[in-house]
Amino acid sequence: MAPEVDILTTFNGDWITTLEAEKKWLIKKDELVKLIEAASVPKLKEGDYSGVVACLLKLSKDSQVVVA
């Protein structure tokens, strides 16, 4: 069985606040790539991912091509 990976220690409220406040979309894209890579594991540790999901929903509604 695959071990659980805790990504919430890295992608927490501080990360979300920093990402939402960032003006440069290239930096936002790089941070999103880091999140995708960290979450691409067989099993994530249980936790409250609602903040990360809300941030992703907010960013997905942006018209920037880099994010899409």
PDB file of N, CA and C in Angstrom:
ATOM      1  N   MET A   1       0.841  -1.176   0.000  1.00  0.00           N
ATOM      2  CA  MET A   1       0.000   0.000   0.000  1.00  0.00           C
ATOM      3  C   MET A   1       0.891   1.247   0.000  1.00  0.00           C
ATOM      4  N   ALA A   2       0.497   2.230  -0.765  1.00  0.00           N
ATOM      5  CA  ALA A   2       1.276   3.470  -0.889  1.00  0.00           C
ATOM      6  C   ALA A   2       1.152   4.309   0.377  1.00  0.00           C
ATOM      7  N   PRO A   3       2.244   4.946   0.772  1.00  0.00           N
ATOM      8  CA  PRO A   3       2.186   5.810   1.960  1.00  0.00           C
ATOM      9  C   PRO A   3       1.423   7.101   1.656  1.00  0.00           C
ATOM     10  N   GLU A   4       0.805   7.636   2.694  1.00  0.00           N
ATOM     11  CA  GLU A   4       0.079   8.899   2.535  1.00  0.00           C
ATOM     12  C   GLU A   4       1.072  10.052   2.444  1.00  0.00           C
ATOM     13  N   VAL A   5       0.760  11.026   1.595  1.00  0.00           N
ATOM     14  CA  VAL A   5       1.602  12.204   1.440  1.00  0.00           C
ATOM     15  C   VAL A   5       0.811  13.410   1.919  1.00  0.00           C
ATOM     16  N   ASP A   6       1.436  14.193   2.804  1.00  0.00           N
ATOM     17  CA  ASP A   6       0.786  15.381   3.357  1.00  0.00           C
ATOM     18  C   ASP A   6       1.248  16.612   2.581  1.00  0.00           C
ATOM     19  N   ILE A   7       0.380  17.123   1.698  1.00  0.00           N
ATOM     20  CA  ILE A   7       0.727  18.318   0.931  1.00  0.00           C
ATOM     21  C   ILE A   7       0.185  19.584   1.587  1.00  0.00           C
ATOM     22  N   LEU A   8      -0.653  19.421   2.590  1.00  0.00           N
ATOM     23  CA  LEU A   8      -1.250  20.599   3.227  1.00  0.00           C
ATOM     24  C   LEU A   8      -0.238  21.386   4.062  1.00  0.00           C
ATOM     25  N   THR A   9       0.861  20.770   4.433  1.00  0.00           N
ATOM     26  CA  THR A   9       1.881  21.525   5.165  1.00  0.00           C
ATOM     27  C   THR A   9       2.556  22.545   4.254  1.00  0.00           C
ATOM     28  N   THR A  10       2.658  22.231   2.976  1.00  0.00           N
ATOM     29  CA  THR A  10       3.261  23.147   2.006  1.00  0.00           C
ATOM     30  C   THR A  10       2.221  24.076   1.400  1.00  0.00           C
ATOM     31  N   PHE A  11       1.083  23.526   1.020  1.00  0.00           N
ATOM     32  CA  PHE A  11       0.046  24.296   0.335  1.00  0.00           C
ATOM     33  C   PHE A  11      -1.059  24.637   1.322  1.00  0.00           C
ATOM     34  N   ASN A  12      -0.716  25.504   2.257  1.00  0.00           N
ATOM     35  CA  ASN A  12      -1.631  25.884   3.337  1.00  0.00           C
ATOM     36  C   ASN A  12      -2.194  27.290   3.108  1.00  0.00           C
ATOM     37  N   GLY A  13      -2.771  27.872   4.126  1.00  0.00           N
ATOM     38  CA  GLY A  13      -3.372  29.198   4.028  1.00  0.00           C
ATOM     39  C   GLY A  13      -2.390  30.278   3.616  1.00  0.00           C
ATOM     40  N   ASP A  14      -1.161  30.190   4.098  1.00  0.00           N
ATOM     41  CA  ASP A  14      -0.144  31.175   3.712  1.00  0.00           C
ATOM     42  C   ASP A  14       0.172  31.080   2.223  1.00  0.00           C
ATOM     43  N   TRP A  15       0.276  29.859   1.724  1.00  0.00           N
ATOM     44  CA  TRP A  15       0.542  29.651   0.302  1.00  0.00           C
ATOM     45  C   TRP A  15      -0.600  30.203  -0.535  1.00  0.00           C
ATOM     46  N   ILE A  16      -1.825  29.947  -0.103  1.00  0.00           N
ATOM     47  CA  ILE A  16      -3.004  30.428  -0.831  1.00  0.00           C
ATOM     48  C   ILE A  16      -3.031  31.950  -0.855  1.00  0.00           C
ATOM     49  N   THR A  17      -2.803  32.585   0.288  1.00  0.00           N
ATOM     50  CA  THR A  17      -2.808  34.038   0.376  1.00  0.00           C
ATOM     51  C   THR A  17      -1.729  34.642  -0.522  1.00  0.00           C
ATOM     52  N   THR A  18      -0.545  34.070  -0.492  1.00  0.00           N
ATOM     53  CA  THR A  18       0.555  34.554  -1.324  1.00  0.00           C
ATOM     54  C   THR A  18       0.231  34.385  -2.805  1.00  0.00           C
ATOM     55  N   LEU A  19      -0.334  33.252  -3.163  1.00  0.00           N
ATOM     56  CA  LEU A  19      -0.670  32.985  -4.561  1.00  0.00           C
ATOM     57  C   LEU A  19      -1.743  33.939  -5.062  1.00  0.00           C
ATOM     58  N   GLU A  20      -2.772  34.167  -4.266  1.00  0.00           N
ATOM     59  CA  GLU A  20      -3.844  35.069  -4.682  1.00  0.00           C
ATOM     60  C   GLU A  20      -3.370  36.520  -4.771  1.00  0.00           C
ATOM     61  N   ALA A  21      -2.391  36.904  -3.953  1.00  0.00           N
ATOM     62  CA  ALA A  21      -1.888  38.275  -3.959  1.00  0.00           C
ATOM     63  C   ALA A  21      -0.859  38.512  -5.072  1.00  0.00           C
ATOM     64  N   GLU A  22      -0.315  37.437  -5.614  1.00  0.00           N
ATOM     65  CA  GLU A  22       0.709  37.552  -6.650  1.00  0.00           C
ATOM     66  C   GLU A  22       0.120  38.190  -7.908  1.00  0.00           C
ATOM     67  N   LYS A  23       0.849  39.137  -8.482  1.00  0.00           N
ATOM     68  CA  LYS A  23       0.389  39.841  -9.686  1.00  0.00           C
ATOM     69  C   LYS A  23       0.870  39.165 -10.968  1.00  0.00           C
ATOM     70  N   LYS A  24       2.031  38.522 -10.913  1.00  0.00           N
ATOM     71  CA  LYS A  24       2.611  37.929 -12.113  1.00  0.00           C
ATOM     72  C   LYS A  24       2.047  36.520 -12.326  1.00  0.00           C
ATOM     73  N   TRP A  25       1.448  36.319 -13.492  1.00  0.00           N
ATOM     74  CA  TRP A  25       0.825  35.039 -13.775  1.00  0.00           C
ATOM     75  C   TRP A  25       1.834  33.936 -14.022  1.00  0.00           C
ATOM     76  N   LEU A  26       3.026  34.281 -14.430  1.00  0.00           N
ATOM     77  CA  LEU A  26       4.042  33.250 -14.626  1.00  0.00           C
ATOM     78  C   LEU A  26       4.405  32.598 -13.291  1.00  0.00           C
ATOM     79  N   ILE A  27       4.484  33.400 -12.238  1.00  0.00           N
ATOM     80  CA  ILE A  27       4.773  32.864 -10.903  1.00  0.00           C
ATOM     81  C   ILE A  27       3.596  32.027 -10.413  1.00  0.00           C
ATOM     82  N   LYS A  28       2.374  32.493 -10.680  1.00  0.00           N
ATOM     83  CA  LYS A  28       1.187  31.717 -10.293  1.00  0.00           C
ATOM     84  C   LYS A  28       1.198  30.367 -10.998  1.00  0.00           C
ATOM     85  N   LYS A  29       1.526  30.374 -12.284  1.00  0.00           N
ATOM     86  CA  LYS A  29       1.564  29.129 -13.049  1.00  0.00           C
ATOM     87  C   LYS A  29       2.602  28.173 -12.467  1.00  0.00           C
ATOM     88  N   ASP A  30       3.782  28.697 -12.121  1.00  0.00           N
ATOM     89  CA  ASP A  30       4.826  27.859 -11.537  1.00  0.00           C
ATOM     90  C   ASP A  30       4.375  27.237 -10.218  1.00  0.00           C
ATOM     91  N   GLU A  31       3.684  28.008  -9.400  1.00  0.00           N
ATOM     92  CA  GLU A  31       3.177  27.491  -8.127  1.00  0.00           C
ATOM     93  C   GLU A  31       2.101  26.423  -8.355  1.00  0.00           C
ATOM     94  N   LEU A  32       1.264  26.620  -9.356  1.00  0.00           N
ATOM     95  CA  LEU A  32       0.239  25.626  -9.665  1.00  0.00           C
ATOM     96  C   LEU A  32       0.860  24.334 -10.180  1.00  0.00           C
ATOM     97  N   VAL A  33       1.929  24.446 -10.939  1.00  0.00           N
ATOM     98  CA  VAL A  33       2.643  23.252 -11.406  1.00  0.00           C
ATOM     99  C   VAL A  33       3.220  22.492 -10.219  1.00  0.00           C
ATOM    100  N   LYS A  34       3.765  23.223  -9.236  1.00  0.00           N
ATOM    101  CA  LYS A  34       4.284  22.579  -8.026  1.00  0.00           C
ATOM    102  C   LYS A  34       3.168  21.838  -7.288  1.00  0.00           C
ATOM    103  N   LEU A  35       1.989  22.444  -7.213  1.00  0.00           N
ATOM    104  CA  LEU A  35       0.846  21.796  -6.564  1.00  0.00           C
ATOM    105  C   LEU A  35       0.443  20.531  -7.305  1.00  0.00           C
ATOM    106  N   ILE A  36       0.381  20.595  -8.611  1.00  0.00           N
ATOM    107  CA  ILE A  36       0.010  19.429  -9.414  1.00  0.00           C
ATOM    108  C   ILE A  36       1.013  18.299  -9.213  1.00  0.00           C
ATOM    109  N   GLU A  37       2.295  18.637  -9.227  1.00  0.00           N
ATOM    110  CA  GLU A  37       3.326  17.613  -9.036  1.00  0.00           C
ATOM    111  C   GLU A  37       3.245  16.987  -7.646  1.00  0.00           C
ATOM    112  N   ALA A  38       2.996  17.818  -6.631  1.00  0.00           N
ATOM    113  CA  ALA A  38       2.916  17.306  -5.260  1.00  0.00           C
ATOM    114  C   ALA A  38       1.682  16.428  -5.066  1.00  0.00           C
ATOM    115  N   ALA A  39       0.589  16.757  -5.758  1.00  0.00           N
ATOM    116  CA  ALA A  39      -0.657  16.010  -5.599  1.00  0.00           C
ATOM    117  C   ALA A  39      -0.734  14.784  -6.507  1.00  0.00           C
ATOM    118  N   SER A  40       0.246  14.601  -7.355  1.00  0.00           N
ATOM    119  CA  SER A  40       0.248  13.466  -8.276  1.00  0.00           C
ATOM    120  C   SER A  40       0.870  12.234  -7.627  1.00  0.00           C
ATOM    121  N   VAL A  41       0.285  11.827  -6.531  1.00  0.00           N
ATOM    122  CA  VAL A  41       0.726  10.640  -5.797  1.00  0.00           C
ATOM    123  C   VAL A  41      -0.480   9.721  -5.623  1.00  0.00           C
ATOM    124  N   PRO A  42      -0.243   8.454  -5.357  1.00  0.00           N
ATOM    125  CA  PRO A  42      -1.373   7.536  -5.211  1.00  0.00           C
ATOM    126  C   PRO A  42      -2.319   7.861  -4.050  1.00  0.00           C
ATOM    127  N   LYS A  43      -1.779   8.410  -2.954  1.00  0.00           N
ATOM    128  CA  LYS A  43      -2.639   8.624  -1.795  1.00  0.00           C
ATOM    129  C   LYS A  43      -2.234   9.900  -1.054  1.00  0.00           C
ATOM    130  N   LEU A  44      -3.202  10.810  -0.886  1.00  0.00           N
ATOM    131  CA  LEU A  44      -2.987  12.021  -0.111  1.00  0.00           C
ATOM    132  C   LEU A  44      -3.483  11.815   1.313  1.00  0.00           C
ATOM    133  N   LYS A  45      -2.807  12.454   2.246  1.00  0.00           N
ATOM    134  CA  LYS A  45      -3.222  12.388   3.639  1.00  0.00           C
ATOM    135  C   LYS A  45      -4.553  13.127   3.798  1.00  0.00           C
ATOM    136  N   GLU A  46      -5.422  12.575   4.630  1.00  0.00           N
ATOM    137  CA  GLU A  46      -6.712  13.210   4.867  1.00  0.00           C
ATOM    138  C   GLU A  46      -6.503  14.583   5.494  1.00  0.00           C
ATOM    139  N   GLY A  47      -7.381  15.506   5.128  1.00  0.00           N
ATOM    140  CA  GLY A  47      -7.288  16.853   5.666  1.00  0.00           C
ATOM    141  C   GLY A  47      -8.320  17.754   5.016  1.00  0.00           C
ATOM    142  N   ASP A  48      -8.273  19.010   5.376  1.00  0.00           N
ATOM    143  CA  ASP A  48      -9.211  19.995   4.849  1.00  0.00           C
ATOM    144  C   ASP A  48      -8.598  20.668   3.624  1.00  0.00           C
ATOM    145  N   TYR A  49      -8.994  20.216   2.467  1.00  0.00           N
ATOM    146  CA  TYR A  49      -8.493  20.749   1.206  1.00  0.00           C
ATOM    147  C   TYR A  49      -9.399  21.846   0.650  1.00  0.00           C
ATOM    148  N   SER A  50     -10.366  22.283   1.402  1.00  0.00           N
ATOM    149  CA  SER A  50     -11.336  23.261   0.894  1.00  0.00           C
ATOM    150  C   SER A  50     -10.676  24.579   0.511  1.00  0.00           C
ATOM    151  N   GLY A  51      -9.659  25.024   1.235  1.00  0.00           N
ATOM    152  CA  GLY A  51      -8.971  26.263   0.892  1.00  0.00           C
ATOM    153  C   GLY A  51      -8.252  26.171  -0.439  1.00  0.00           C
ATOM    154  N   VAL A  52      -7.598  25.040  -0.667  1.00  0.00           N
ATOM    155  CA  VAL A  52      -6.885  24.826  -1.930  1.00  0.00           C
ATOM    156  C   VAL A  52      -7.887  24.752  -3.078  1.00  0.00           C
ATOM    157  N   VAL A  53      -8.978  24.042  -2.879  1.00  0.00           N
ATOM    158  CA  VAL A  53      -9.996  23.907  -3.917  1.00  0.00           C
ATOM    159  C   VAL A  53     -10.628  25.259  -4.237  1.00  0.00           C
ATOM    160  N   ALA A  54     -10.938  26.055  -3.223  1.00  0.00           N
ATOM    161  CA  ALA A  54     -11.524  27.376  -3.445  1.00  0.00           C
ATOM    162  C   ALA A  54     -10.559  28.272  -4.214  1.00  0.00           C
ATOM    163  N   CYS A  55      -9.290  28.195  -3.890  1.00  0.00           N
ATOM    164  CA  CYS A  55      -8.276  28.968  -4.605  1.00  0.00           C
ATOM    165  C   CYS A  55      -8.207  28.540  -6.067  1.00  0.00           C
ATOM    166  N   LEU A  56      -8.229  27.243  -6.312  1.00  0.00           N
ATOM    167  CA  LEU A  56      -8.178  26.740  -7.688  1.00  0.00           C
ATOM    168  C   LEU A  56      -9.408  27.158  -8.479  1.00  0.00           C
ATOM    169  N   LEU A  57     -10.569  27.131  -7.842  1.00  0.00           N
ATOM    170  CA  LEU A  57     -11.785  27.573  -8.525  1.00  0.00           C
ATOM    171  C   LEU A  57     -11.704  29.051  -8.889  1.00  0.00           C
ATOM    172  N   LYS A  58     -11.191  29.848  -7.972  1.00  0.00           N
ATOM    173  CA  LYS A  58     -11.052  31.279  -8.223  1.00  0.00           C
ATOM    174  C   LYS A  58     -10.096  31.528  -9.387  1.00  0.00           C
ATOM    175  N   LEU A  59      -8.973  30.831  -9.398  1.00  0.00           N
ATOM    176  CA  LEU A  59      -7.993  31.002 -10.469  1.00  0.00           C
ATOM    177  C   LEU A  59      -8.494  30.468 -11.798  1.00  0.00           C
ATOM    178  N   SER A  60      -9.323  29.442 -11.775  1.00  0.00           N
ATOM    179  CA  SER A  60      -9.818  28.870 -13.032  1.00  0.00           C
ATOM    180  C   SER A  60     -10.795  29.784 -13.742  1.00  0.00           C
ATOM    181  N   LYS A  61     -11.364  30.732 -13.040  1.00  0.00           N
ATOM    182  CA  LYS A  61     -12.299  31.674 -13.655  1.00  0.00           C
ATOM    183  C   LYS A  61     -11.596  32.874 -14.268  1.00  0.00           C
ATOM    184  N   ASP A  62     -10.283  32.931 -14.150  1.00  0.00           N
ATOM    185  CA  ASP A  62      -9.525  34.025 -14.709  1.00  0.00           C
ATOM    186  C   ASP A  62      -9.367  33.819 -16.219  1.00  0.00           C
ATOM    187  N   SER A  63      -9.240  34.897 -16.932  1.00  0.00           N
ATOM    188  CA  SER A  63      -9.172  34.819 -18.380  1.00  0.00           C
ATOM    189  C   SER A  63      -7.744  34.651 -18.917  1.00  0.00           C
ATOM    190  N   GLN A  64      -6.768  34.500 -18.041  1.00  0.00           N
ATOM    191  CA  GLN A  64      -5.388  34.347 -18.474  1.00  0.00           C
ATOM    192  C   GLN A  64      -5.186  33.008 -19.177  1.00  0.00           C
ATOM    193  N   VAL A  65      -4.570  33.041 -20.333  1.00  0.00           N
ATOM    194  CA  VAL A  65      -4.307  31.833 -21.093  1.00  0.00           C
ATOM    195  C   VAL A  65      -3.278  30.966 -20.381  1.00  0.00           C
ATOM    196  N   VAL A  66      -2.343  31.574 -19.679  1.00  0.00           N
ATOM    197  CA  VAL A  66      -1.288  30.817 -18.992  1.00  0.00           C
ATOM    198  C   VAL A  66      -1.889  29.850 -17.992  1.00  0.00           C
ATOM    199  N   VAL A  67      -2.943  30.240 -17.305  1.00  0.00           N
ATOM    200  CA  VAL A  67      -3.559  29.397 -16.307  1.00  0.00           C
ATOM    201  C   VAL A  67      -4.382  28.295 -16.953  1.00  0.00           C
ATOM    202  N   ALA A  68      -5.079  28.631 -17.995  1.00  0.00           N
ATOM    203  CA  ALA A  68      -5.919  27.657 -18.663  1.00  0.00           C
ATOM    204  C   ALA A  68      -5.073  26.528 -19.205  1.00  0.00           C
TER     205      ALA A  68
END
